[in-house]
Amino acid sequence: QVQLAESGGGLVQPGESLRLSCVASGDVFKVGQAEWYRQAPGNQRELVAGILPDGTTNYADSVKGRFQISRDDGKKSAYLQMSNLKLEDTAVYYCKARVTSTGATWEYWGQGTQVTVSS
């Protein structure tokens, strides 16, 4: 059994920062590709950022230069540093990761963490 747990969401004003964390627990041998998605009310879930085990990253155009994804394999964690937040960044943020457990590799989703940017 594998669980992904996000944390770090909250209510901030435009221009402020937040750091989201995603921790894998349970039967985790290793974490492969990790990604952050977000979903605003009425919108489809969209990819925000991704990071490969070798550290290669990719970002949605809307967050380039403001968000930074990172990982700590020793802690089985991925992070999303969000700076200069805008009203349109308001959404539920989800972590997705490819996790290798005993005998299998699957993709897992976390339960989401709310980020609200409001003046």
N, C-alpha and C. Protein backbone atom coordinates (compact mmCIF):
# COMPACT_ATOMS: atom_id res chain seq x y z
N GLN A 1 0.84 -1.19 0.00
CA GLN A 1 0.00 0.00 0.00
C GLN A 1 0.88 1.24 0.00
N VAL A 2 0.54 2.17 -0.89
CA VAL A 2 1.30 3.41 -1.02
C VAL A 2 0.36 4.59 -0.87
N GLN A 3 0.78 5.60 -0.16
CA GLN A 3 0.01 6.82 -0.04
C GLN A 3 0.90 8.01 -0.41
N LEU A 4 0.28 8.98 -1.07
CA LEU A 4 0.91 10.27 -1.32
C LEU A 4 0.14 11.31 -0.52
N ALA A 5 0.86 12.12 0.21
CA ALA A 5 0.22 13.14 1.02
C ALA A 5 0.81 14.50 0.69
N GLU A 6 -0.05 15.43 0.27
CA GLU A 6 0.38 16.80 0.01
C GLU A 6 0.13 17.65 1.25
N SER A 7 0.92 18.68 1.37
CA SER A 7 0.73 19.66 2.44
C SER A 7 1.32 20.99 1.98
N GLY A 8 0.99 22.04 2.73
CA GLY A 8 1.58 23.34 2.46
C GLY A 8 0.66 24.35 1.80
N GLY A 9 -0.54 23.93 1.44
CA GLY A 9 -1.47 24.88 0.84
C GLY A 9 -1.95 25.89 1.86
N GLY A 10 -2.64 26.90 1.36
CA GLY A 10 -3.17 27.91 2.26
C GLY A 10 -3.71 29.11 1.51
N LEU A 11 -4.01 30.16 2.28
CA LEU A 11 -4.53 31.41 1.74
C LEU A 11 -3.42 32.46 1.78
N VAL A 12 -3.11 33.02 0.62
CA VAL A 12 -2.07 34.04 0.53
C VAL A 12 -2.55 35.19 -0.34
N GLN A 13 -1.83 36.29 -0.26
CA GLN A 13 -2.13 37.43 -1.10
C GLN A 13 -1.30 37.38 -2.39
N PRO A 14 -1.74 38.06 -3.41
CA PRO A 14 -0.95 38.11 -4.65
C PRO A 14 0.48 38.58 -4.37
N GLY A 15 1.43 37.93 -5.02
CA GLY A 15 2.82 38.26 -4.84
C GLY A 15 3.53 37.47 -3.76
N GLU A 16 2.78 36.78 -2.94
CA GLU A 16 3.38 35.99 -1.87
C GLU A 16 3.79 34.61 -2.38
N SER A 17 4.36 33.84 -1.47
CA SER A 17 4.90 32.52 -1.83
C SER A 17 4.32 31.42 -0.96
N LEU A 18 4.36 30.22 -1.48
CA LEU A 18 4.01 29.01 -0.76
C LEU A 18 4.91 27.88 -1.22
N ARG A 19 5.13 26.92 -0.33
CA ARG A 19 5.89 25.73 -0.69
C ARG A 19 5.03 24.51 -0.39
N LEU A 20 4.73 23.76 -1.44
CA LEU A 20 3.96 22.53 -1.30
C LEU A 20 4.91 21.35 -1.17
N SER A 21 4.49 20.39 -0.37
CA SER A 21 5.25 19.16 -0.19
C SER A 21 4.39 17.96 -0.53
N CYS A 22 5.04 16.92 -1.04
CA CYS A 22 4.36 15.67 -1.36
C CYS A 22 5.26 14.55 -0.85
N VAL A 23 4.73 13.74 0.06
CA VAL A 23 5.51 12.67 0.66
C VAL A 23 4.87 11.32 0.35
N ALA A 24 5.69 10.39 -0.12
CA ALA A 24 5.23 9.03 -0.37
C ALA A 24 5.53 8.18 0.85
N SER A 25 4.54 7.39 1.25
CA SER A 25 4.73 6.51 2.40
C SER A 25 4.13 5.14 2.11
N GLY A 26 4.49 4.20 2.95
CA GLY A 26 4.01 2.84 2.77
C GLY A 26 5.07 1.98 2.12
N ASP A 27 4.64 1.09 1.26
CA ASP A 27 5.54 0.15 0.58
C ASP A 27 6.21 0.85 -0.60
N VAL A 28 7.18 1.71 -0.31
CA VAL A 28 7.84 2.51 -1.33
C VAL A 28 9.29 2.08 -1.46
N PHE A 29 9.64 1.53 -2.61
CA PHE A 29 11.04 1.19 -2.87
C PHE A 29 11.76 2.39 -3.46
N LYS A 30 11.13 3.00 -4.47
CA LYS A 30 11.69 4.22 -5.04
C LYS A 30 10.59 5.02 -5.71
N VAL A 31 10.86 6.31 -5.84
CA VAL A 31 9.93 7.22 -6.51
C VAL A 31 10.54 7.63 -7.83
N GLY A 32 9.80 7.45 -8.90
CA GLY A 32 10.25 7.85 -10.22
C GLY A 32 9.80 9.26 -10.53
N GLN A 33 9.19 9.42 -11.70
CA GLN A 33 8.73 10.74 -12.10
C GLN A 33 7.68 11.25 -11.13
N ALA A 34 7.80 12.51 -10.77
CA ALA A 34 6.82 13.15 -9.90
C ALA A 34 6.29 14.40 -10.59
N GLU A 35 5.03 14.67 -10.41
CA GLU A 35 4.40 15.80 -11.08
C GLU A 35 3.43 16.51 -10.13
N TRP A 36 3.25 17.78 -10.37
CA TRP A 36 2.23 18.57 -9.70
C TRP A 36 1.19 18.99 -10.73
N TYR A 37 -0.06 18.78 -10.39
CA TYR A 37 -1.19 19.22 -11.20
C TYR A 37 -2.02 20.18 -10.36
N ARG A 38 -2.90 20.89 -11.03
CA ARG A 38 -3.85 21.72 -10.31
C ARG A 38 -5.18 21.72 -11.03
N GLN A 39 -6.22 21.97 -10.25
CA GLN A 39 -7.56 22.03 -10.81
C GLN A 39 -8.34 23.13 -10.13
N ALA A 40 -8.72 24.12 -10.94
CA ALA A 40 -9.55 25.21 -10.45
C ALA A 40 -11.01 24.86 -10.71
N PRO A 41 -11.93 25.45 -9.95
CA PRO A 41 -13.35 25.16 -10.15
C PRO A 41 -13.78 25.40 -11.59
N GLY A 42 -14.44 24.40 -12.17
CA GLY A 42 -14.92 24.54 -13.53
C GLY A 42 -13.89 24.26 -14.60
N ASN A 43 -12.67 23.99 -14.19
CA ASN A 43 -11.59 23.74 -15.15
C ASN A 43 -11.13 22.29 -15.08
N GLN A 44 -10.46 21.87 -16.15
CA GLN A 44 -9.86 20.55 -16.14
C GLN A 44 -8.57 20.58 -15.33
N ARG A 45 -8.19 19.42 -14.85
CA ARG A 45 -6.92 19.31 -14.14
C ARG A 45 -5.80 19.52 -15.15
N GLU A 46 -4.81 20.35 -14.77
CA GLU A 46 -3.72 20.66 -15.68
C GLU A 46 -2.37 20.39 -15.03
N LEU A 47 -1.42 20.03 -15.87
CA LEU A 47 -0.05 19.80 -15.40
C LEU A 47 0.62 21.13 -15.11
N VAL A 48 1.21 21.23 -13.93
CA VAL A 48 1.91 22.44 -13.54
C VAL A 48 3.42 22.27 -13.72
N ALA A 49 3.94 21.17 -13.20
CA ALA A 49 5.38 20.94 -13.26
C ALA A 49 5.67 19.46 -13.07
N GLY A 50 6.79 19.02 -13.63
CA GLY A 50 7.20 17.63 -13.47
C GLY A 50 8.70 17.54 -13.27
N ILE A 51 9.13 16.46 -12.63
CA ILE A 51 10.56 16.25 -12.42
C ILE A 51 10.86 14.77 -12.54
N LEU A 52 11.92 14.47 -13.29
CA LEU A 52 12.36 13.10 -13.48
C LEU A 52 13.38 12.73 -12.40
N PRO A 53 13.66 11.44 -12.26
CA PRO A 53 14.66 11.04 -11.26
C PRO A 53 16.03 11.68 -11.47
N ASP A 54 16.36 12.02 -12.73
CA ASP A 54 17.66 12.63 -12.96
C ASP A 54 17.65 14.13 -12.73
N GLY A 55 16.51 14.66 -12.31
CA GLY A 55 16.40 16.08 -12.01
C GLY A 55 15.89 16.94 -13.14
N THR A 56 15.67 16.36 -14.31
CA THR A 56 15.11 17.11 -15.43
C THR A 56 13.71 17.60 -15.07
N THR A 57 13.46 18.86 -15.35
CA THR A 57 12.17 19.44 -14.99
C THR A 57 11.45 20.00 -16.21
N ASN A 58 10.16 20.15 -16.09
CA ASN A 58 9.35 20.83 -17.10
C ASN A 58 8.25 21.59 -16.39
N TYR A 59 7.81 22.67 -17.01
CA TYR A 59 6.83 23.56 -16.40
C TYR A 59 5.78 23.99 -17.41
N ALA A 60 4.59 24.24 -16.92
CA ALA A 60 3.58 24.89 -17.74
C ALA A 60 4.04 26.32 -18.00
N ASP A 61 3.70 26.83 -19.16
CA ASP A 61 4.13 28.19 -19.52
C ASP A 61 3.64 29.22 -18.50
N SER A 62 2.48 28.97 -17.93
CA SER A 62 1.87 29.94 -17.02
C SER A 62 2.63 30.08 -15.70
N VAL A 63 3.51 29.12 -15.39
CA VAL A 63 4.22 29.19 -14.11
C VAL A 63 5.73 29.30 -14.27
N LYS A 64 6.23 29.27 -15.50
CA LYS A 64 7.67 29.35 -15.72
C LYS A 64 8.23 30.63 -15.13
N GLY A 65 9.33 30.48 -14.40
CA GLY A 65 9.96 31.64 -13.78
C GLY A 65 9.39 31.98 -12.42
N ARG A 66 8.27 31.37 -12.04
CA ARG A 66 7.66 31.65 -10.75
C ARG A 66 7.64 30.41 -9.84
N PHE A 67 7.49 29.24 -10.43
CA PHE A 67 7.41 27.99 -9.67
C PHE A 67 8.69 27.17 -9.90
N GLN A 68 9.05 26.43 -8.87
CA GLN A 68 10.20 25.54 -9.00
C GLN A 68 9.87 24.20 -8.34
N ILE A 69 10.03 23.13 -9.11
CA ILE A 69 9.81 21.79 -8.59
C ILE A 69 11.15 21.19 -8.19
N SER A 70 11.14 20.42 -7.12
CA SER A 70 12.36 19.76 -6.67
C SER A 70 11.99 18.42 -6.03
N ARG A 71 13.00 17.65 -5.70
CA ARG A 71 12.74 16.35 -5.09
C ARG A 71 13.84 16.01 -4.12
N ASP A 72 13.51 15.17 -3.16
CA ASP A 72 14.47 14.64 -2.20
C ASP A 72 14.19 13.15 -2.12
N ASP A 73 14.98 12.36 -2.84
CA ASP A 73 14.70 10.93 -2.91
C ASP A 73 14.91 10.26 -1.56
N GLY A 74 15.80 10.77 -0.75
CA GLY A 74 16.00 10.20 0.57
C GLY A 74 14.78 10.34 1.45
N LYS A 75 14.03 11.40 1.24
CA LYS A 75 12.80 11.62 2.00
C LYS A 75 11.57 11.20 1.23
N LYS A 76 11.78 10.63 0.02
CA LYS A 76 10.65 10.17 -0.81
C LYS A 76 9.66 11.31 -1.00
N SER A 77 10.19 12.46 -1.31
CA SER A 77 9.37 13.66 -1.36
C SER A 77 9.63 14.47 -2.62
N ALA A 78 8.60 15.23 -2.98
CA ALA A 78 8.71 16.22 -4.04
C ALA A 78 8.12 17.52 -3.51
N TYR A 79 8.61 18.62 -4.07
CA TYR A 79 8.21 19.92 -3.57
C TYR A 79 7.86 20.84 -4.74
N LEU A 80 7.01 21.82 -4.44
CA LEU A 80 6.71 22.84 -5.43
C LEU A 80 6.81 24.19 -4.72
N GLN A 81 7.87 24.91 -5.03
CA GLN A 81 8.05 26.26 -4.51
C GLN A 81 7.34 27.22 -5.44
N MET A 82 6.37 27.93 -4.91
CA MET A 82 5.56 28.84 -5.71
C MET A 82 5.82 30.27 -5.24
N SER A 83 6.27 31.10 -6.15
CA SER A 83 6.58 32.49 -5.82
C SER A 83 5.75 33.41 -6.69
N ASN A 84 5.65 34.67 -6.24
CA ASN A 84 4.89 35.67 -7.00
C ASN A 84 3.52 35.11 -7.42
N LEU A 85 2.82 34.59 -6.45
CA LEU A 85 1.53 33.96 -6.75
C LEU A 85 0.52 34.96 -7.28
N LYS A 86 -0.30 34.50 -8.20
CA LYS A 86 -1.32 35.32 -8.84
C LYS A 86 -2.71 34.77 -8.51
N LEU A 87 -3.70 35.61 -8.72
CA LEU A 87 -5.07 35.19 -8.45
C LEU A 87 -5.41 33.91 -9.22
N GLU A 88 -4.90 33.82 -10.44
CA GLU A 88 -5.24 32.68 -11.29
C GLU A 88 -4.51 31.39 -10.89
N ASP A 89 -3.66 31.46 -9.89
CA ASP A 89 -3.02 30.24 -9.38
C ASP A 89 -3.92 29.53 -8.37
N THR A 90 -5.03 30.14 -8.02
CA THR A 90 -5.95 29.52 -7.08
C THR A 90 -6.49 28.21 -7.64
N ALA A 91 -6.32 27.14 -6.89
CA ALA A 91 -6.73 25.80 -7.34
C ALA A 91 -6.44 24.80 -6.23
N VAL A 92 -6.93 23.60 -6.44
CA VAL A 92 -6.48 22.46 -5.64
C VAL A 92 -5.27 21.87 -6.35
N TYR A 93 -4.18 21.71 -5.63
CA TYR A 93 -2.95 21.19 -6.20
C TYR A 93 -2.78 19.73 -5.79
N TYR A 94 -2.49 18.91 -6.79
CA TYR A 94 -2.35 17.47 -6.59
C TYR A 94 -0.95 17.02 -6.98
N CYS A 95 -0.45 16.08 -6.23
CA CYS A 95 0.82 15.43 -6.55
C CYS A 95 0.53 14.09 -7.19
N LYS A 96 1.28 13.77 -8.23
CA LYS A 96 1.21 12.45 -8.83
C LYS A 96 2.63 11.92 -8.94
N ALA A 97 2.81 10.66 -8.61
CA ALA A 97 4.15 10.08 -8.67
C ALA A 97 4.10 8.63 -9.11
N ARG A 98 5.15 8.25 -9.82
CA ARG A 98 5.31 6.84 -10.20
C ARG A 98 6.14 6.19 -9.11
N VAL A 99 5.55 5.22 -8.45
CA VAL A 99 6.18 4.61 -7.29
C VAL A 99 6.40 3.12 -7.53
N THR A 100 7.61 2.70 -7.26
CA THR A 100 7.93 1.29 -7.33
C THR A 100 7.83 0.69 -5.93
N SER A 101 6.97 -0.32 -5.83
CA SER A 101 6.80 -1.04 -4.57
C SER A 101 7.30 -2.46 -4.76
N THR A 102 7.02 -3.30 -3.80
CA THR A 102 7.42 -4.70 -3.91
C THR A 102 6.71 -5.34 -5.10
N GLY A 103 7.45 -5.57 -6.17
CA GLY A 103 6.91 -6.30 -7.30
C GLY A 103 6.08 -5.51 -8.28
N ALA A 104 5.94 -4.21 -8.12
CA ALA A 104 5.08 -3.46 -9.04
C ALA A 104 5.45 -1.99 -9.05
N THR A 105 5.10 -1.34 -10.18
CA THR A 105 5.25 0.11 -10.30
C THR A 105 3.92 0.69 -10.74
N TRP A 106 3.43 1.66 -9.99
CA TRP A 106 2.13 2.26 -10.29
C TRP A 106 2.24 3.77 -10.15
N GLU A 107 1.28 4.45 -10.74
CA GLU A 107 1.15 5.88 -10.53
C GLU A 107 0.10 6.12 -9.45
N TYR A 108 0.44 7.02 -8.55
CA TYR A 108 -0.44 7.35 -7.45
C TYR A 108 -0.72 8.84 -7.43
N TRP A 109 -1.89 9.18 -6.90
CA TRP A 109 -2.28 10.58 -6.72
C TRP A 109 -2.45 10.86 -5.23
N GLY A 110 -2.13 12.07 -4.84
CA GLY A 110 -2.45 12.51 -3.50
C GLY A 110 -3.88 13.04 -3.45
N GLN A 111 -4.28 13.47 -2.25
CA GLN A 111 -5.67 13.90 -2.06
C GLN A 111 -5.86 15.37 -2.41
N GLY A 112 -4.77 16.09 -2.60
CA GLY A 112 -4.87 17.49 -2.99
C GLY A 112 -4.73 18.44 -1.81
N THR A 113 -4.23 19.63 -2.10
CA THR A 113 -4.14 20.69 -1.10
C THR A 113 -4.59 21.99 -1.75
N GLN A 114 -5.40 22.74 -1.03
CA GLN A 114 -6.00 23.96 -1.58
C GLN A 114 -5.03 25.12 -1.48
N VAL A 115 -4.87 25.80 -2.60
CA VAL A 115 -4.11 27.05 -2.65
C VAL A 115 -5.07 28.15 -3.08
N THR A 116 -5.22 29.16 -2.26
CA THR A 116 -6.10 30.28 -2.57
C THR A 116 -5.29 31.57 -2.54
N VAL A 117 -5.32 32.27 -3.66
CA VAL A 117 -4.63 33.56 -3.76
C VAL A 117 -5.71 34.63 -3.86
N SER A 118 -5.74 35.49 -2.87
CA SER A 118 -6.81 36.48 -2.82
C SER A 118 -6.31 37.75 -2.15
N SER A 119 -6.78 38.87 -2.66
CA SER A 119 -6.42 40.15 -2.05
C SER A 119 -7.50 40.58 -1.07
